[in-house]
Amino acid sequence: MYNPKLIHCIATMKLNLMLLRIILIPYINSISNISFGVKKALG
């Protein structure tokens, strides 16, 4: 019923997304902090 290759592909994608998230979270946080600071500065 299930295609093992497809399952493996999805699992790999999920793992890659997790790793990407771990790597990118600091950047995303700093970007959102910067935009928040800009909004505050603009009033």
Protein backbone atom coordinates (compact mmCIF):
# COMPACT_ATOMS: atom_id res chain seq x y z
CA MET A 1 0.00 0.00 0.00
CA TYR A 2 2.66 2.50 1.08
CA ASN A 3 5.66 3.25 -1.08
CA PRO A 4 8.77 2.79 1.12
CA LYS A 5 10.78 5.17 -1.05
CA LEU A 6 8.13 7.87 -0.61
CA ILE A 7 8.07 7.34 3.18
CA HIS A 8 11.87 7.58 3.27
CA CYS A 9 11.72 10.76 1.18
CA ILE A 10 9.16 12.35 3.51
CA ALA A 11 11.16 11.34 6.58
CA THR A 12 14.32 12.86 5.08
CA MET A 13 12.45 16.04 4.22
CA LYS A 14 11.10 16.33 7.77
CA LEU A 15 14.57 15.79 9.21
CA ASN A 16 16.02 18.43 6.88
CA LEU A 17 13.25 20.86 7.85
CA MET A 18 14.00 20.28 11.54
CA LEU A 19 17.71 20.91 11.01
CA LEU A 20 16.95 23.99 8.91
CA ARG A 21 14.66 25.32 11.62
CA ILE A 22 17.35 24.79 14.29
CA ILE A 23 19.88 26.61 12.10
CA LEU A 24 17.53 29.41 11.04
CA ILE A 25 15.75 30.15 14.34
CA PRO A 26 18.47 32.58 15.59
CA TYR A 27 18.41 34.44 12.26
CA ILE A 28 14.61 34.59 12.21
CA ASN A 29 14.59 35.82 15.83
CA SER A 30 17.13 38.55 15.13
CA ILE A 31 15.25 39.64 11.99
CA SER A 32 11.95 39.84 13.88
CA ASN A 33 13.70 41.71 16.72
CA ILE A 34 15.10 44.21 14.21
CA SER A 35 11.70 44.73 12.56
CA PHE A 36 10.10 45.07 16.00
CA GLY A 37 12.71 47.69 16.93
CA VAL A 38 12.05 49.57 13.69
CA LYS A 39 8.29 49.53 14.36
CA LYS A 40 8.89 50.81 17.89
CA ALA A 41 11.21 53.53 16.60
CA LEU A 42 8.60 54.62 14.05
CA GLY A 43 5.95 54.74 16.75
